[in-house]
Every structure is written in C-alpha cells, then in structure tokens.
Amino acid sequence: MSSDRPQRPAPPRYSRFSQVDVVPPRPPEEPSLAEIAARALNAQHLDAPRRPLPDNGWRNQPPPPEPSPFWEEQRWPLRSPPPPPMAPAAEAREPVRNRQTPAEPQMEQPAQPRPAKARRPQAKPVPAGPGILARTMTAARQKAAPALIDGAFWLARNLRRREIRKRYNRALVFGHTRIADRKLEKLFFVPTLKSQAIGPAPDRGVHYDGPVPAAVFDWVMAAMPADLRQFAFIDMRAGRGRATLLAAKRNFNRIVAYEYDPELFDDLTMNVAQYPRSLMACRNIDCRRADIDGIRLPDQPCVIYFSGSWREQMIPGVMDYVRQTYRQSPRRLYVVLENVCDETGLAGDNIFERLEPALGDRLKLRLLSPMDFRLYRSSV
C-alpha cells in the first residue's frame, strides 16, 4: 500500500461568526509613517485613511452633501443675556465694639423695578336726556316686574288659610310626637307612630290622622267626671292601642277595645300584654275583633271614643245602636269624636247635647292640638 494519503485542504482564514477575513489586508493607498511625518513637517494636508466598508448594501448610495461654505460663514455666535444691573455698594459701617462675634456679611439684593400701577377705567359719562328714563323703565319691566309677580304668587300660595293650618299642624305634630311623647312611645311593644299622616279633610281642609297625643287626651278627659269608677271606656277604633292604654291610667271600671283589622288587632293585643302594669290604674282590658255587628255596650255608664271619625262610615249605624240601648236602659253616656265630620247627625239629636270643656282646656285644644274634638253628653 502507498503511504501517500490525500491531504485535507487547509481551512480558510475566516471567523466562524462572520464571512469577513479576521485580519483584513492593509490597503495599498494608506501612507507610511515616514510619509506622514514628512507631510506634517511640510504643513501639508493629511487625508484620513479610509478603510474599506463592508458590503452591506449601502456602498452604491451617494455620499451625503457637504455643508455649504456660506452656511459655515453665517453662523451666529450664541450670546448670553446681559446680567442685571447691580445696585451701588452700600457704605461700610464700623463694627460694634461690644459684640464678641464679627458681623455677618449681607448679600446685596439687586434693585427690582416697581410694577406699574394699573389705571382704573374711567366711567363713561351717562348721556342726559330721555334715554336714561327709557332704559330704566325697560330694566324694571324686564327684571323687577317678573320678580314681583313671582313673590306675589308665593305669598298667595303660602299665606292661604289652609296652607298656614297645614304648616302649623306639622309643627304641632312634631312637638307632640317627637318631643312630648318620646318617653311614652318607648313603653309600647309595637310603635304606635307607624300610621300617621297630615292630609286633606272634607270639612276642615287638613287633619292629623294618627295616634292621639297624651297631652291632648288629658285635655279631652278633663271634661269628664273626676270619679270614673262606674264608667266603662269603649274604644271603637283602637288601632295599636294608644288611646286604650292612655285611658288605662284612669280609674275606669273596665276598658273594651274594638279593632277589625287583623294586623292592627295583633299589635293591639301585644301592646296591652307588654305594657307596664305599674302604670295602669285599670287593668281590666278586653280586646275584641269585631265590626258593627259585633259591638256590644255594657249596661253601665260609658265613655265612647271614636278615633278618626271623619272617615268612619259606621258611626251612624253605631250611634243608632247606642240610642237603642239608651232607650232600653237610660244611663250617662259620653261620646268623644276625633276629627269629626258634620255628617254624624249628633248635632240635632234629642238624646245627646254638645259638651264644652273648661275655658283653659278649650283654648289648649284650639291652639295646641293638631286635631279637633267634639264632645257630646246624654241628657240623663
């Protein structure tokens, strides 16, 4: 066998990261060091050596334009703004001998120009003549007259008797329910102030439809006899039991509360059961759920109380039953109508007569009560 083996060709002198020769050849036009020194001694212009650029696609592009000599000559130098004028140096004063520390030098502040005062615009002279009067009348007709008309309508709307009564009743209701009866309301298991409102009434214009205040109930009961041990209190529309439990503070013989609405009847029984017995002078309270057919009056003197009687349609039928029992067993009967309507028919009755409270209680009911009352008494 021949020992001559084929030789592997030598690898080219290229880098593995690029196709450019690692050691580029020296360009022939680059001057030598001696030529550079000779030209420098002779003050000749030296051209910067130019290295070949890689062929990246930009070689065929035209060179950038050289700056114009006219532009080079017309460059303006940058000038800084002149410094502000310095104030004249203050005269040096002699240092105080008593001081132990030398006086500190003070920096001189440059004098600042005083700002110019703004001139006040001079008022234009008002032309004299009939034009001033005409403009005044036009402004009054366009601005003052609508304001006066709106004010007149506001006064007419708010100074009417019904509107004044309504606002005054709102103030009285707030004073009684939120201030005077605040402690009393906490004694009820179910609050009695849930159903209260101020609305229009057929005859009086406005009325307060809600539980009777405690002070107003006392003024009404002041017209009754002082000794009530023989009387029975009949509450025809008990609601949640405000009037019933206020009457329990007096020495009635018995109390009968009628309520037809099932929800209000449940609240009535809960309030009567949970009311403190130490505040009750009469503990014989009977709660009944019945309408006009189930009402029964006891055979004894009675105080019949109708709450919200202006909207009760059963009052004529109940009063017919009361007259019938009165003819069978004559006795003393008192009828109290709250927010009464004139259609009840008790004014011209030959059995009941109008009862007026004392002068002081009458003024209180007239001025400080949010609701009206009418009291009637039997002739016996």
Protein backbone atom coordinates (compact mmCIF):
# COMPACT_ATOMS: atom_id res chain seq x y z
CA MET A 1 0.00 0.00 0.00
CA SER A 2 1.09 3.55 -0.71
CA SER A 3 1.75 5.71 2.31
CA ASP A 4 0.68 8.81 0.45
CA ARG A 5 -2.70 9.77 1.86
CA PRO A 6 -4.81 12.60 0.44
CA GLN A 7 -4.19 15.78 2.35
CA ARG A 8 -7.19 17.66 3.83
CA PRO A 9 -7.40 21.17 2.40
CA ALA A 10 -6.48 23.89 4.83
CA PRO A 11 -9.48 25.76 6.30
CA PRO A 12 -9.92 29.31 5.06
CA ARG A 13 -8.89 32.13 7.34
CA TYR A 14 -12.41 33.23 8.26
CA SER A 15 -14.14 33.65 11.56
CA ARG A 16 -16.99 31.37 12.42
CA PHE A 17 -19.16 34.32 13.30
CA SER A 18 -18.83 36.32 10.06
CA GLN A 19 -17.75 35.90 6.46
CA VAL A 20 -15.20 38.73 6.70
CA ASP A 21 -11.50 37.94 6.98
CA VAL A 22 -10.28 38.13 10.55
CA VAL A 23 -7.16 40.09 9.59
CA PRO A 24 -8.15 42.37 6.70
CA PRO A 25 -5.31 43.17 4.29
CA ARG A 26 -3.67 46.55 4.56
CA PRO A 27 -4.97 48.89 1.87
CA PRO A 28 -2.26 49.94 -0.59
CA GLU A 29 -3.16 53.62 -0.52
CA GLU A 30 -2.53 54.01 3.23
CA PRO A 31 0.62 56.23 3.68
CA SER A 32 3.50 55.00 5.72
CA LEU A 33 4.70 56.51 8.95
CA ALA A 34 7.63 58.28 7.24
CA GLU A 35 5.35 59.90 4.70
CA ILE A 36 3.02 61.10 7.45
CA ALA A 37 5.96 62.67 9.34
CA ALA A 38 7.31 64.34 6.18
CA ARG A 39 3.96 65.83 5.34
CA ALA A 40 3.46 67.04 8.86
CA LEU A 41 6.83 68.85 8.76
CA ASN A 42 5.93 70.48 5.44
CA ALA A 43 2.45 71.50 6.83
CA GLN A 44 0.66 69.63 4.16
CA HIS A 45 -2.92 68.42 4.41
CA LEU A 46 -3.23 64.84 5.50
CA ASP A 47 -6.02 62.79 4.21
CA ALA A 48 -7.59 60.49 6.76
CA PRO A 49 -7.03 56.87 5.88
CA ARG A 50 -10.12 55.26 4.58
CA ARG A 51 -10.86 51.70 5.45
CA PRO A 52 -12.94 49.60 3.15
CA LEU A 53 -16.56 49.39 4.28
CA PRO A 54 -18.32 46.05 4.39
CA ASP A 55 -20.63 45.40 1.51
CA ASN A 56 -23.93 45.89 3.37
CA GLY A 57 -25.97 47.32 0.57
CA TRP A 58 -25.11 50.99 1.16
CA ARG A 59 -21.99 51.21 -0.92
CA ASN A 60 -23.87 52.22 -4.05
CA GLN A 61 -25.63 55.07 -2.20
CA PRO A 62 -24.39 58.64 -2.95
CA PRO A 63 -22.36 60.32 -0.22
CA PRO A 64 -24.11 62.92 1.98
CA PRO A 65 -23.83 66.54 0.80
CA GLU A 66 -21.08 68.54 2.36
CA PRO A 67 -22.02 71.67 4.37
CA SER A 68 -22.19 74.83 2.35
CA PRO A 69 -19.34 77.28 2.95
CA PHE A 70 -21.90 80.10 3.04
CA TRP A 71 -23.66 78.43 5.95
CA GLU A 72 -20.37 77.95 7.73
CA GLU A 73 -19.58 81.66 7.36
CA GLN A 74 -23.06 82.88 8.51
CA ARG A 75 -23.10 81.08 11.87
CA TRP A 76 -24.08 83.47 14.58
CA PRO A 77 -22.35 83.12 17.94
CA LEU A 78 -24.53 82.31 20.95
CA ARG A 79 -24.87 85.32 23.17
CA SER A 80 -25.93 85.08 26.81
CA PRO A 81 -28.34 87.74 28.15
CA PRO A 82 -26.66 90.68 29.83
CA PRO A 83 -26.55 90.46 33.63
CA PRO A 84 -28.95 92.66 35.60
CA PRO A 85 -27.60 95.99 36.75
CA MET A 86 -26.04 95.83 40.17
CA ALA A 87 -27.02 98.27 42.86
CA PRO A 88 -24.30 100.59 44.16
CA ALA A 89 -22.41 99.12 47.06
CA ALA A 90 -23.58 100.26 50.45
CA GLU A 91 -21.21 102.21 52.61
CA ALA A 92 -19.34 100.08 55.08
CA ARG A 93 -20.24 100.75 58.66
CA GLU A 94 -17.96 100.45 61.60
CA PRO A 95 -18.45 97.22 63.56
CA VAL A 96 -19.90 97.46 67.04
CA ARG A 97 -17.16 97.06 69.59
CA ASN A 98 -19.33 95.47 72.24
CA ARG A 99 -20.15 92.48 70.09
CA GLN A 100 -17.99 89.44 70.50
CA THR A 101 -18.83 87.86 67.15
CA PRO A 102 -18.00 89.59 63.90
CA ALA A 103 -20.87 90.90 61.84
CA GLU A 104 -22.03 88.54 59.13
CA PRO A 105 -21.74 89.87 55.61
CA GLN A 106 -25.10 90.52 54.00
CA MET A 107 -25.81 89.72 50.40
CA GLU A 108 -26.79 92.70 48.39
CA GLN A 109 -30.13 92.30 46.68
CA PRO A 110 -30.43 93.69 43.19
CA ALA A 111 -32.85 96.55 42.87
CA GLN A 112 -36.10 95.42 41.31
CA PRO A 113 -38.18 97.74 39.22
CA ARG A 114 -41.52 98.74 40.74
CA PRO A 115 -44.53 97.40 38.86
CA ALA A 116 -46.55 99.95 37.08
CA LYS A 117 -49.89 100.80 38.66
CA ALA A 118 -52.94 99.66 36.76
CA ARG A 119 -55.07 102.53 35.68
CA ARG A 120 -58.68 102.47 36.70
CA PRO A 121 -61.12 102.51 33.85
CA GLN A 122 -62.86 105.79 33.79
CA ALA A 123 -66.64 105.64 33.93
CA LYS A 124 -68.27 106.72 30.77
CA PRO A 125 -70.46 109.73 31.19
CA VAL A 126 -74.15 108.90 31.22
CA PRO A 127 -75.87 110.70 28.43
CA ALA A 128 -78.52 113.05 29.68
CA GLY A 129 -81.99 113.21 28.25
CA PRO A 130 -85.00 110.94 27.90
CA GLY A 131 -82.80 107.89 27.10
CA ILE A 132 -82.00 107.27 30.80
CA LEU A 133 -85.67 107.12 31.77
CA ALA A 134 -86.45 104.81 28.89
CA ARG A 135 -83.66 102.39 29.84
CA THR A 136 -84.73 102.45 33.48
CA MET A 137 -88.31 101.60 32.58
CA THR A 138 -87.16 98.81 30.28
CA ALA A 139 -84.97 97.24 33.01
CA ALA A 140 -87.81 97.48 35.55
CA ARG A 141 -90.24 95.88 33.14
CA GLN A 142 -87.87 93.03 32.24
CA LYS A 143 -86.36 92.22 35.68
CA ALA A 144 -88.27 93.80 38.54
CA ALA A 145 -91.80 93.07 37.33
CA PRO A 146 -91.32 89.24 36.98
CA ALA A 147 -89.71 89.09 40.44
CA LEU A 148 -92.62 90.98 41.99
CA ILE A 149 -95.15 88.76 40.25
CA ASP A 150 -93.39 85.58 41.47
CA GLY A 151 -93.26 86.96 45.01
CA ALA A 152 -96.96 87.77 44.91
CA PHE A 153 -97.83 84.26 43.75
CA TRP A 154 -95.60 82.77 46.50
CA LEU A 155 -97.32 84.87 49.16
CA ALA A 156 -100.75 84.00 47.81
CA ARG A 157 -99.86 80.31 47.81
CA ASN A 158 -98.27 80.20 51.27
CA LEU A 159 -100.49 82.67 53.11
CA ARG A 160 -103.72 80.86 52.43
CA ARG A 161 -105.60 79.70 55.48
CA ARG A 162 -105.40 76.04 54.58
CA GLU A 163 -101.65 76.20 53.89
CA ILE A 164 -100.98 78.03 57.15
CA ARG A 165 -103.07 75.49 59.07
CA LYS A 166 -101.21 72.65 57.41
CA ARG A 167 -97.78 74.04 58.30
CA TYR A 168 -98.89 74.82 61.85
CA ASN A 169 -100.27 71.29 62.26
CA ARG A 170 -96.96 69.83 61.10
CA ALA A 171 -95.16 71.82 63.79
CA LEU A 172 -97.64 70.68 66.45
CA VAL A 173 -97.37 67.03 65.40
CA PHE A 174 -93.58 67.20 65.57
CA GLY A 175 -93.70 68.77 69.03
CA HIS A 176 -96.14 66.20 70.44
CA THR A 177 -94.81 63.01 68.83
CA ARG A 178 -91.06 63.64 68.78
CA ILE A 179 -90.61 65.68 71.95
CA ALA A 180 -93.52 65.35 74.41
CA ASP A 181 -94.41 61.67 73.75
CA ARG A 182 -90.90 60.37 73.18
CA LYS A 183 -90.72 58.54 76.51
CA LEU A 184 -94.29 57.24 76.20
CA GLU A 185 -93.61 55.72 72.80
CA LYS A 186 -90.78 53.61 74.24
CA LEU A 187 -93.26 51.80 76.51
CA PHE A 188 -95.16 50.22 73.60
CA PHE A 189 -94.07 46.85 72.28
CA VAL A 190 -95.15 47.85 68.74
CA PRO A 191 -94.64 51.57 67.95
CA THR A 192 -97.94 53.37 67.52
CA LEU A 193 -96.50 56.14 65.32
CA LYS A 194 -96.25 53.91 62.27
CA SER A 195 -99.51 55.17 60.81
CA GLN A 196 -99.60 58.96 60.99
CA ALA A 197 -100.18 61.49 58.24
CA ILE A 198 -101.40 65.03 57.59
CA GLY A 199 -103.80 65.20 54.69
CA PRO A 200 -106.92 66.95 53.39
CA ALA A 201 -110.18 66.61 55.27
CA PRO A 202 -113.68 67.12 53.82
CA ASP A 203 -114.68 70.00 56.09
CA ARG A 204 -111.62 71.36 57.90
CA GLY A 205 -109.19 71.38 54.97
CA VAL A 206 -106.43 69.48 56.77
CA HIS A 207 -106.28 66.99 59.64
CA TYR A 208 -103.81 64.86 61.55
CA ASP A 209 -104.58 61.19 61.08
CA GLY A 210 -102.61 59.29 63.71
CA PRO A 211 -102.48 58.26 67.37
CA VAL A 212 -103.77 60.86 69.79
CA PRO A 213 -101.04 62.71 71.77
CA ALA A 214 -101.00 62.14 75.50
CA ALA A 215 -101.41 65.82 76.42
CA VAL A 216 -104.37 66.24 74.05
CA PHE A 217 -106.05 63.14 75.51
CA ASP A 218 -105.67 64.61 79.02
CA TRP A 219 -107.28 67.89 77.91
CA VAL A 220 -110.24 65.97 76.46
CA MET A 221 -110.69 63.73 79.52
CA ALA A 222 -110.65 66.80 81.80
CA ALA A 223 -114.28 67.41 80.72
CA MET A 224 -115.30 64.01 82.13
CA PRO A 225 -116.26 63.41 85.77
CA ALA A 226 -113.42 63.11 88.23
CA ASP A 227 -114.68 59.77 89.57
CA LEU A 228 -114.81 57.21 86.73
CA ARG A 229 -115.09 54.03 88.81
CA GLN A 230 -118.62 53.35 87.49
CA PHE A 231 -117.76 54.07 83.84
CA ALA A 232 -116.54 51.83 81.04
CA PHE A 233 -114.26 53.16 78.30
CA ILE A 234 -115.24 51.90 74.83
CA ASP A 235 -112.58 52.45 72.11
CA MET A 236 -114.37 51.95 68.78
CA ARG A 237 -111.23 52.14 66.63
CA ALA A 238 -108.40 51.11 68.94
CA GLY A 239 -105.66 50.75 66.30
CA ARG A 240 -102.44 49.82 68.11
CA GLY A 241 -103.87 50.84 71.49
CA ARG A 242 -102.60 54.38 72.16
CA ALA A 243 -105.98 55.74 73.43
CA THR A 244 -106.76 52.44 75.18
CA LEU A 245 -103.57 52.47 77.26
CA LEU A 246 -103.88 56.20 77.97
CA ALA A 247 -107.37 55.54 79.35
CA ALA A 248 -105.91 52.70 81.48
CA LYS A 249 -104.13 55.34 83.58
CA ARG A 250 -107.54 56.48 84.89
CA ASN A 251 -109.78 54.65 87.30
CA PHE A 252 -112.25 53.21 84.80
CA ASN A 253 -114.23 50.16 85.80
CA ARG A 254 -113.39 48.35 82.57
CA ILE A 255 -111.99 49.05 79.09
CA VAL A 256 -113.20 47.44 75.86
CA ALA A 257 -111.12 47.96 72.67
CA TYR A 258 -112.62 47.09 69.26
CA GLU A 259 -110.44 46.64 66.16
CA TYR A 260 -111.42 44.92 62.92
CA ASP A 261 -108.11 44.90 61.01
CA PRO A 262 -106.26 41.61 61.81
CA GLU A 263 -102.74 43.12 61.73
CA LEU A 264 -103.69 46.06 63.94
CA PHE A 265 -105.55 43.70 66.28
CA ASP A 266 -102.40 41.61 66.79
CA ASP A 267 -100.38 44.77 67.54
CA LEU A 268 -103.11 45.89 69.96
CA THR A 269 -103.02 42.66 71.96
CA MET A 270 -99.20 42.70 72.11
CA ASN A 271 -99.10 46.30 73.35
CA VAL A 272 -101.73 45.62 76.01
CA ALA A 273 -99.95 42.47 77.17
CA GLN A 274 -96.49 44.08 77.34
CA TYR A 275 -97.47 47.46 78.82
CA PRO A 276 -96.14 48.01 82.39
CA ARG A 277 -98.84 47.15 84.92
CA SER A 278 -97.45 49.64 87.40
CA LEU A 279 -98.63 52.48 85.12
CA MET A 280 -102.17 51.12 84.75
CA ALA A 281 -104.95 52.14 87.15
CA CYS A 282 -107.44 49.97 85.26
CA ARG A 283 -106.13 46.52 84.32
CA ASN A 284 -109.48 45.09 83.18
CA ILE A 285 -108.88 45.49 79.44
CA ASP A 286 -110.78 43.40 76.89
CA CYS A 287 -109.58 43.42 73.25
CA ARG A 288 -112.21 42.33 70.72
CA ARG A 289 -112.01 41.91 66.96
CA ALA A 290 -115.47 42.80 65.64
CA ASP A 291 -117.26 45.09 63.20
CA ILE A 292 -120.55 46.95 63.56
CA ASP A 293 -122.48 43.72 64.05
CA GLY A 294 -120.29 42.53 66.92
CA ILE A 295 -120.31 45.71 69.04
CA ARG A 296 -121.95 45.35 72.43
CA LEU A 297 -122.22 48.12 75.04
CA PRO A 298 -122.21 47.18 78.72
CA ASP A 299 -125.22 48.11 80.86
CA GLN A 300 -123.38 50.87 82.76
CA PRO A 301 -122.24 54.46 82.17
CA CYS A 302 -119.81 54.61 79.25
CA VAL A 303 -117.34 56.91 77.52
CA ILE A 304 -117.43 56.07 73.79
CA TYR A 305 -114.32 57.20 71.92
CA PHE A 306 -114.21 57.39 68.09
CA SER A 307 -110.73 57.99 66.63
CA GLY A 308 -110.58 59.32 63.07
CA SER A 309 -114.34 59.69 62.96
CA TRP A 310 -114.34 61.78 59.76
CA ARG A 311 -113.53 58.70 57.69
CA GLU A 312 -115.58 56.19 59.67
CA GLN A 313 -118.68 55.15 57.76
CA MET A 314 -120.00 53.05 60.64
CA ILE A 315 -120.65 55.94 63.03
CA PRO A 316 -124.32 56.45 62.06
CA GLY A 317 -125.02 52.72 62.49
CA VAL A 318 -123.16 52.59 65.81
CA MET A 319 -124.99 55.67 67.10
CA ASP A 320 -128.34 54.09 66.17
CA TYR A 321 -127.37 51.11 68.31
CA VAL A 322 -126.29 53.44 71.14
CA ARG A 323 -129.65 55.25 71.06
CA GLN A 324 -131.48 51.94 71.15
CA THR A 325 -129.56 50.72 74.21
CA TYR A 326 -130.04 54.10 75.85
CA ARG A 327 -133.80 53.90 75.46
CA GLN A 328 -133.80 50.42 76.96
CA SER A 329 -131.52 51.39 79.86
CA PRO A 330 -131.12 55.16 80.40
CA ARG A 331 -127.70 55.99 81.83
CA ARG A 332 -124.93 58.59 81.48
CA LEU A 333 -123.11 58.33 78.15
CA TYR A 334 -120.27 60.45 76.79
CA VAL A 335 -119.31 60.44 73.12
CA VAL A 336 -115.90 61.78 72.02
CA LEU A 337 -115.46 62.35 68.28
CA GLU A 338 -111.94 62.90 66.98
CA ASN A 339 -111.68 64.91 63.73
CA VAL A 340 -115.44 64.85 63.46
CA CYS A 341 -117.43 65.20 60.25
CA ASP A 342 -120.74 67.10 60.27
CA GLU A 343 -122.49 64.13 58.72
CA THR A 344 -122.58 62.22 62.01
CA GLY A 345 -126.01 63.67 62.83
CA LEU A 346 -125.42 64.21 66.57
CA ALA A 347 -125.88 67.96 66.47
CA GLY A 348 -129.72 67.90 66.29
CA ASP A 349 -130.22 64.77 68.38
CA ASN A 350 -132.70 64.97 71.28
CA ILE A 351 -130.70 62.45 73.33
CA PHE A 352 -127.18 63.94 73.16
CA GLU A 353 -126.17 67.55 73.74
CA ARG A 354 -122.94 69.35 72.98
CA LEU A 355 -120.46 69.45 75.87
CA GLU A 356 -117.92 72.26 76.10
CA PRO A 357 -114.71 71.80 78.16
CA ALA A 358 -113.43 74.43 80.53
CA LEU A 359 -112.05 77.64 79.09
CA GLY A 360 -108.42 76.71 79.66
CA ASP A 361 -108.80 73.25 78.15
CA ARG A 362 -110.80 74.70 75.26
CA LEU A 363 -108.01 77.14 74.41
CA LYS A 364 -105.43 74.38 74.61
CA LEU A 365 -107.46 72.17 72.28
CA ARG A 366 -107.96 75.08 69.91
CA LEU A 367 -104.38 76.32 69.76
CA LEU A 368 -102.11 73.42 70.75
CA SER A 369 -103.93 70.36 69.42
CA PRO A 370 -103.22 69.01 65.90
CA MET A 371 -106.74 67.53 65.76
CA ASP A 372 -110.25 68.72 66.57
CA PHE A 373 -112.63 67.16 69.10
CA ARG A 374 -116.34 67.30 69.72
CA LEU A 375 -117.83 66.07 72.95
CA TYR A 376 -121.45 65.03 73.48
CA ARG A 377 -123.31 64.00 76.65
CA SER A 378 -126.58 62.23 77.15
CA SER A 379 -129.46 64.13 78.70
CA VAL A 380 -129.73 61.89 81.79
